[in-house]
C-alpha atoms as a PDB file:
ATOM      1  CA  GLN A   1      91.922 122.820  90.833  1.00  0.00           C
ATOM      2  CA  VAL A   2      88.756 123.005  92.909  1.00  0.00           C
ATOM      3  CA  GLN A   3      88.217 120.410  95.623  1.00  0.00           C
ATOM      4  CA  LEU A   4      85.267 119.597  97.864  1.00  0.00           C
ATOM      5  CA  VAL A   5      85.322 118.128 101.330  1.00  0.00           C
ATOM      6  CA  GLU A   6      82.135 116.983 103.021  1.00  0.00           C
ATOM      7  CA  SER A   7      81.599 116.514 106.710  1.00  0.00           C
ATOM      8  CA  GLY A   8      78.879 116.147 109.306  1.00  0.00           C
ATOM      9  CA  GLY A   9      77.517 112.681 108.689  1.00  0.00           C
ATOM     10  CA  GLY A  10      76.931 110.143 111.413  1.00  0.00           C
ATOM     11  CA  LEU A  11      74.334 108.172 113.330  1.00  0.00           C
ATOM     12  CA  VAL A  12      71.219 110.082 114.340  1.00  0.00           C
ATOM     13  CA  GLN A  13      67.906 109.060 115.867  1.00  0.00           C
ATOM     14  CA  ALA A  14      64.723 109.498 113.902  1.00  0.00           C
ATOM     15  CA  GLY A  15      63.092 112.841 114.591  1.00  0.00           C
ATOM     16  CA  GLY A  16      66.390 114.593 115.099  1.00  0.00           C
ATOM     17  CA  SER A  17      68.256 117.046 112.905  1.00  0.00           C
ATOM     18  CA  LEU A  18      71.596 116.953 111.178  1.00  0.00           C
ATOM     19  CA  ARG A  19      73.789 119.448 109.361  1.00  0.00           C
ATOM     20  CA  LEU A  20      76.165 118.442 106.621  1.00  0.00           C
ATOM     21  CA  SER A  21      78.844 120.743 105.250  1.00  0.00           C
ATOM     22  CA  CYS A  22      80.496 120.948 101.870  1.00  0.00           C
ATOM     23  CA  THR A  23      83.644 123.068 101.820  1.00  0.00           C
ATOM     24  CA  ALA A  24      85.205 124.155  98.559  1.00  0.00           C
ATOM     25  CA  SER A  25      88.860 125.023  98.199  1.00  0.00           C
ATOM     26  CA  GLY A  26      90.937 126.259  95.317  1.00  0.00           C
ATOM     27  CA  SER A  27      91.703 129.513  93.608  1.00  0.00           C
ATOM     28  CA  SER A  28      90.035 131.750  91.053  1.00  0.00           C
ATOM     29  CA  PHE A  29      86.686 130.070  90.790  1.00  0.00           C
ATOM     30  CA  SER A  30      83.040 130.984  91.026  1.00  0.00           C
ATOM     31  CA  VAL A  31      80.087 128.734  91.735  1.00  0.00           C
ATOM     32  CA  ASP A  32      76.997 128.679  89.524  1.00  0.00           C
ATOM     33  CA  HIS A  33      75.047 126.059  91.433  1.00  0.00           C
ATOM     34  CA  THR A  34      75.376 123.740  94.395  1.00  0.00           C
ATOM     35  CA  ASP A  35      73.308 120.596  94.774  1.00  0.00           C
ATOM     36  CA  TRP A  36      73.037 117.886  97.362  1.00  0.00           C
ATOM     37  CA  TYR A  37      72.315 114.298  96.395  1.00  0.00           C
ATOM     38  CA  ARG A  38      71.997 111.114  98.356  1.00  0.00           C
ATOM     39  CA  GLN A  39      72.279 107.435  97.608  1.00  0.00           C
ATOM     40  CA  PRO A  40      70.228 105.155  99.854  1.00  0.00           C
ATOM     41  CA  PRO A  41      71.525 101.598 100.314  1.00  0.00           C
ATOM     42  CA  GLY A  42      70.920  99.571  97.178  1.00  0.00           C
ATOM     43  CA  LYS A  43      69.339 102.474  95.315  1.00  0.00           C
ATOM     44  CA  GLN A  44      70.263 105.045  92.717  1.00  0.00           C
ATOM     45  CA  ARG A  45      71.649 108.428  93.626  1.00  0.00           C
ATOM     46  CA  GLU A  46      68.869 111.013  93.913  1.00  0.00           C
ATOM     47  CA  TRP A  47      68.669 114.779  94.100  1.00  0.00           C
ATOM     48  CA  VAL A  48      67.808 116.229  97.506  1.00  0.00           C
ATOM     49  CA  ALA A  49      68.081 120.012  97.357  1.00  0.00           C
ATOM     50  CA  GLY A  50      70.066 122.750  95.692  1.00  0.00           C
ATOM     51  CA  MET A  51      70.773 126.437  95.418  1.00  0.00           C
ATOM     52  CA  PRO A  52      72.186 128.810  92.811  1.00  0.00           C
ATOM     53  CA  GLY A  53      75.612 130.295  93.448  1.00  0.00           C
ATOM     54  CA  SER A  54      74.136 133.662  94.277  1.00  0.00           C
ATOM     55  CA  GLY A  55      71.723 132.219  96.820  1.00  0.00           C
ATOM     56  CA  VAL A  56      71.898 132.387 100.578  1.00  0.00           C
ATOM     57  CA  THR A  57      69.259 129.899 101.694  1.00  0.00           C
ATOM     58  CA  SER A  58      66.963 127.489  99.923  1.00  0.00           C
ATOM     59  CA  VAL A  59      64.324 125.278 101.521  1.00  0.00           C
ATOM     60  CA  THR A  60      62.942 122.091  99.981  1.00  0.00           C
ATOM     61  CA  GLY A  61      60.615 120.408 102.437  1.00  0.00           C
ATOM     62  CA  ARG A  62      62.702 119.134 105.355  1.00  0.00           C
ATOM     63  CA  PHE A  63      65.942 120.105 103.633  1.00  0.00           C
ATOM     64  CA  THR A  64      67.570 123.531 103.954  1.00  0.00           C
ATOM     65  CA  VAL A  65      70.593 124.528 101.916  1.00  0.00           C
ATOM     66  CA  SER A  66      72.519 127.534 103.191  1.00  0.00           C
ATOM     67  CA  ARG A  67      75.765 129.285 102.415  1.00  0.00           C
ATOM     68  CA  ASP A  68      78.505 130.011 104.934  1.00  0.00           C
ATOM     69  CA  LYS A  69      80.585 132.640 103.163  1.00  0.00           C
ATOM     70  CA  ALA A  70      83.182 132.855 105.911  1.00  0.00           C
ATOM     71  CA  LYS A  71      84.001 129.152 105.535  1.00  0.00           C
ATOM     72  CA  ASN A  72      83.364 128.979 101.784  1.00  0.00           C
ATOM     73  CA  ALA A  73      80.935 126.197 102.539  1.00  0.00           C
ATOM     74  CA  VAL A  74      77.419 125.170 101.647  1.00  0.00           C
ATOM     75  CA  ASN A  75      75.467 123.381 104.353  1.00  0.00           C
ATOM     76  CA  LEU A  76      72.563 120.971 104.175  1.00  0.00           C
ATOM     77  CA  GLU A  77      70.332 120.796 107.220  1.00  0.00           C
ATOM     78  CA  ILE A  78      67.881 117.938 107.481  1.00  0.00           C
ATOM     79  CA  ASP A  79      65.025 118.211 109.952  1.00  0.00           C
ATOM     80  CA  SER A  80      62.702 115.536 111.315  1.00  0.00           C
ATOM     81  CA  LEU A  81      65.017 112.772 110.175  1.00  0.00           C
ATOM     82  CA  LYS A  82      63.487 109.486 109.081  1.00  0.00           C
ATOM     83  CA  PRO A  83      65.092 106.061 108.683  1.00  0.00           C
ATOM     84  CA  GLU A  84      64.590 106.405 104.920  1.00  0.00           C
ATOM     85  CA  ASP A  85      66.964 109.385 104.978  1.00  0.00           C
ATOM     86  CA  THR A  86      69.782 106.895 105.526  1.00  0.00           C
ATOM     87  CA  GLY A  87      72.383 106.939 102.789  1.00  0.00           C
ATOM     88  CA  VAL A  88      75.553 108.547 101.504  1.00  0.00           C
ATOM     89  CA  TYR A  89      75.138 112.265 100.910  1.00  0.00           C
ATOM     90  CA  TYR A  90      77.111 114.011  98.207  1.00  0.00           C
ATOM     91  CA  CYS A  91      77.505 117.631  97.276  1.00  0.00           C
ATOM     92  CA  ASN A  92      78.018 118.717  93.708  1.00  0.00           C
ATOM     93  CA  ILE A  93      79.096 122.118  92.490  1.00  0.00           C
ATOM     94  CA  ARG A  94      79.179 123.559  89.016  1.00  0.00           C
ATOM     95  CA  GLY A  95      80.989 126.728  88.230  1.00  0.00           C
ATOM     96  CA  LEU A  96      83.804 128.437  86.387  1.00  0.00           C
ATOM     97  CA  ARG A  97      87.530 128.537  86.947  1.00  0.00           C
ATOM     98  CA  ASN A  98      89.578 131.481  85.740  1.00  0.00           C
ATOM     99  CA  ILE A  99      92.756 130.056  84.245  1.00  0.00           C
ATOM    100  CA  ARG A 100      94.971 132.828  82.953  1.00  0.00           C
ATOM    101  CA  GLY A 101      91.969 134.882  81.886  1.00  0.00           C
ATOM    102  CA  THR A 102      90.020 131.995  80.344  1.00  0.00           C
ATOM    103  CA  LEU A 103      86.842 130.800  82.056  1.00  0.00           C
ATOM    104  CA  ILE A 104      86.715 127.006  82.189  1.00  0.00           C
ATOM    105  CA  PRO A 105      83.537 125.277  83.423  1.00  0.00           C
ATOM    106  CA  PHE A 106      83.834 122.594  86.083  1.00  0.00           C
ATOM    107  CA  ASP A 107      81.462 120.083  87.641  1.00  0.00           C
ATOM    108  CA  ILE A 108      82.795 118.267  90.692  1.00  0.00           C
ATOM    109  CA  TRP A 109      81.566 115.974  93.437  1.00  0.00           C
ATOM    110  CA  GLY A 110      82.521 115.546  97.033  1.00  0.00           C
ATOM    111  CA  GLN A 111      83.626 112.192  98.422  1.00  0.00           C
ATOM    112  CA  GLY A 112      80.307 111.629 100.217  1.00  0.00           C
ATOM    113  CA  THR A 113      79.394 111.438 103.872  1.00  0.00           C
ATOM    114  CA  GLN A 114      77.400 108.628 105.456  1.00  0.00           C
ATOM    115  CA  VAL A 115      74.170 109.381 107.305  1.00  0.00           C
ATOM    116  CA  ASN A 116      72.465 106.649 109.317  1.00  0.00           C
ATOM    117  CA  VAL A 117      69.089 107.300 110.907  1.00  0.00           C
ATOM    118  CA  SER A 118      67.930 104.836 113.541  1.00  0.00           C
ATOM    119  CA  SER A 119      64.259 104.273 114.297  1.00  0.00           C
END
């Protein structure tokens, strides 16, 4: 079984930066793609940034996704934070598990981490 744990959320002032981490654990799996989403208060969940499994860094505007191989984690760095960046941030990974020689696709979500940006 593959599990995700997110960390790094908190209260930040507008204009600052924040780094969120998504750490995957489990055995015999590979990642095809990692995406970060967020859900602002009272709104639908929306895509923020993502990166293929083979990637190292991906930049989408103020959002940078990067891989930390040593920690088996994918980070999301947000620069120039704005109050509208407030919300719960989720990571999502899609990949394959090797179960006794059979590759089984998986698509899992982290539990979410709250980010609050004050003006």
